[in-house]
Amino acid sequence: MITNIKTKNFKGFSIDEPVHPKTIYTGKNKSGKSSRSHAIALTILGYVPFAAKVNKKASDILNDFGVGDSLTTAITSNGVEFERHFSRNKEGAVSQRMRVDKKKVSAADYAVALSHAGD
């Protein structure tokens, strides 16, 4: 179960808040309701499947969802924190880093850790 969500520079939002079972978000347009579900999807899948444009390249994700030259999304699930960080270097190339409990991991290890956490 997802118990926390964090974002930084994601669609103009920086969030760090608990997620309780059966959470329902309500609010005005552009208040961040969809941004939270997009951030969860990006953290788990590496892309946002229900966005207007479904992009899987790191540069497209940063251009479409980031503010500035970096963005971070993270969730905590069953006590384990999963994080994706996208950043642009001075030459304009975009890279993606994945961390599990603050330790840098490969894409394969990230997927295994997600499966062990039950998501």
Protein backbone atom coordinates (compact mmCIF):
# COMPACT_ATOMS: atom_id res chain seq x y z
CA MET A 1 0.00 0.00 0.00
CA ILE A 2 1.27 3.47 -0.88
CA THR A 3 1.62 5.51 2.31
CA ASN A 4 3.46 8.65 1.16
CA ILE A 5 4.01 10.68 -2.01
CA LYS A 6 6.75 13.21 -2.74
CA THR A 7 7.38 15.41 -5.75
CA LYS A 8 9.81 18.20 -6.53
CA ASN A 9 9.42 20.42 -9.60
CA PHE A 10 6.71 18.10 -10.94
CA LYS A 11 4.05 19.98 -12.92
CA GLY A 12 4.74 23.02 -10.76
CA PHE A 13 4.19 21.15 -7.48
CA SER A 14 6.50 20.12 -4.68
CA ILE A 15 4.61 17.73 -2.40
CA ASP A 16 5.51 15.61 0.61
CA GLU A 17 2.39 14.18 2.18
CA PRO A 18 0.95 10.97 3.60
CA VAL A 19 -1.56 8.97 1.61
CA HIS A 20 -4.18 7.23 3.67
CA PRO A 21 -6.28 4.25 2.57
CA LYS A 22 -9.24 5.31 0.45
CA THR A 23 -7.87 8.82 -0.06
CA ILE A 24 -9.97 11.00 -2.35
CA TYR A 25 -8.60 14.28 -3.67
CA THR A 26 -10.98 17.14 -4.32
CA GLY A 27 -10.33 20.73 -5.26
CA LYS A 28 -10.41 23.39 -7.91
CA ASN A 29 -8.92 22.99 -11.37
CA LYS A 30 -5.11 23.08 -11.37
CA SER A 31 -4.95 22.38 -7.63
CA GLY A 32 -2.85 19.20 -8.09
CA LYS A 33 -5.38 16.36 -8.00
CA SER A 34 -4.22 14.75 -11.25
CA SER A 35 -0.60 15.63 -10.54
CA ARG A 36 -0.62 13.26 -7.59
CA SER A 37 -1.85 10.30 -9.65
CA HIS A 38 0.55 11.20 -12.47
CA ALA A 39 3.44 11.30 -10.00
CA ILE A 40 2.51 7.88 -8.61
CA ALA A 41 2.30 6.41 -12.13
CA LEU A 42 5.63 7.97 -13.14
CA THR A 43 7.34 6.65 -10.01
CA ILE A 44 6.07 3.12 -10.56
CA LEU A 45 6.04 2.82 -14.37
CA GLY A 46 8.61 5.36 -15.52
CA TYR A 47 6.03 7.17 -17.67
CA VAL A 48 2.50 8.56 -17.35
CA PRO A 49 0.15 6.26 -19.31
CA PHE A 50 -2.94 8.48 -19.09
CA ALA A 51 -1.30 11.80 -19.99
CA ALA A 52 -2.24 13.70 -23.14
CA LYS A 53 1.00 12.49 -24.75
CA VAL A 54 2.38 9.16 -23.57
CA ASN A 55 6.14 9.67 -23.67
CA LYS A 56 8.62 7.17 -22.35
CA LYS A 57 11.87 9.02 -23.13
CA ALA A 58 13.49 10.77 -20.17
CA SER A 59 13.84 14.03 -22.12
CA ASP A 60 10.15 14.06 -23.07
CA ILE A 61 9.11 13.35 -19.48
CA LEU A 62 11.26 16.20 -18.16
CA ASN A 63 10.04 18.58 -20.87
CA ASP A 64 6.35 17.69 -20.36
CA PHE A 65 6.20 17.41 -16.57
CA GLY A 66 9.25 19.15 -15.13
CA VAL A 67 9.88 22.68 -14.05
CA GLY A 68 13.43 23.72 -14.91
CA ASP A 69 16.20 21.20 -15.36
CA SER A 70 15.08 18.51 -12.93
CA LEU A 71 12.11 16.73 -11.46
CA THR A 72 11.70 14.10 -8.79
CA THR A 73 8.81 11.83 -7.88
CA ALA A 74 8.76 9.32 -5.04
CA ILE A 75 6.37 7.06 -3.20
CA THR A 76 6.68 5.02 -0.04
CA SER A 77 5.06 1.62 -0.25
CA ASN A 78 5.11 -0.90 2.58
CA GLY A 79 7.93 1.03 4.24
CA VAL A 80 10.16 1.22 1.14
CA GLU A 81 10.79 4.52 -0.66
CA PHE A 82 10.96 4.45 -4.47
CA GLU A 83 12.25 7.51 -6.31
CA ARG A 84 12.78 8.59 -9.93
CA HIS A 85 14.82 11.68 -10.65
CA PHE A 86 15.18 13.25 -14.09
CA SER A 87 17.81 15.92 -14.75
CA ARG A 88 19.26 17.84 -17.67
CA ASN A 89 23.02 18.43 -17.88
CA LYS A 90 24.81 21.49 -19.32
CA GLU A 91 24.83 19.93 -22.80
CA GLY A 92 21.06 19.41 -22.68
CA ALA A 93 21.08 15.62 -22.31
CA VAL A 94 18.52 14.23 -19.87
CA SER A 95 19.23 11.31 -17.57
CA GLN A 96 17.11 9.33 -15.15
CA ARG A 97 18.22 8.00 -11.77
CA MET A 98 16.28 5.45 -9.75
CA ARG A 99 16.71 4.95 -6.03
CA VAL A 100 15.27 2.50 -3.53
CA ASP A 101 15.53 3.65 0.08
CA LYS A 102 17.95 6.38 -1.03
CA LYS A 103 20.32 3.89 -2.75
CA LYS A 104 20.92 4.20 -6.50
CA VAL A 105 19.78 1.05 -8.32
CA SER A 106 19.48 -0.26 -11.86
CA ALA A 107 16.15 -0.39 -13.67
CA ALA A 108 16.04 -4.17 -13.16
CA ASP A 109 16.70 -3.90 -9.42
CA TYR A 110 14.10 -1.13 -9.14
CA ALA A 111 11.49 -3.39 -10.76
CA VAL A 112 12.37 -6.28 -8.46
CA ALA A 113 12.16 -4.07 -5.37
CA LEU A 114 8.75 -2.77 -6.53
CA SER A 115 7.47 -6.32 -6.97
CA HIS A 116 8.70 -7.26 -3.50
CA ALA A 117 6.95 -4.20 -2.03
CA GLY A 118 3.66 -5.41 -3.53
CA ASP A 119 3.17 -2.70 -6.18
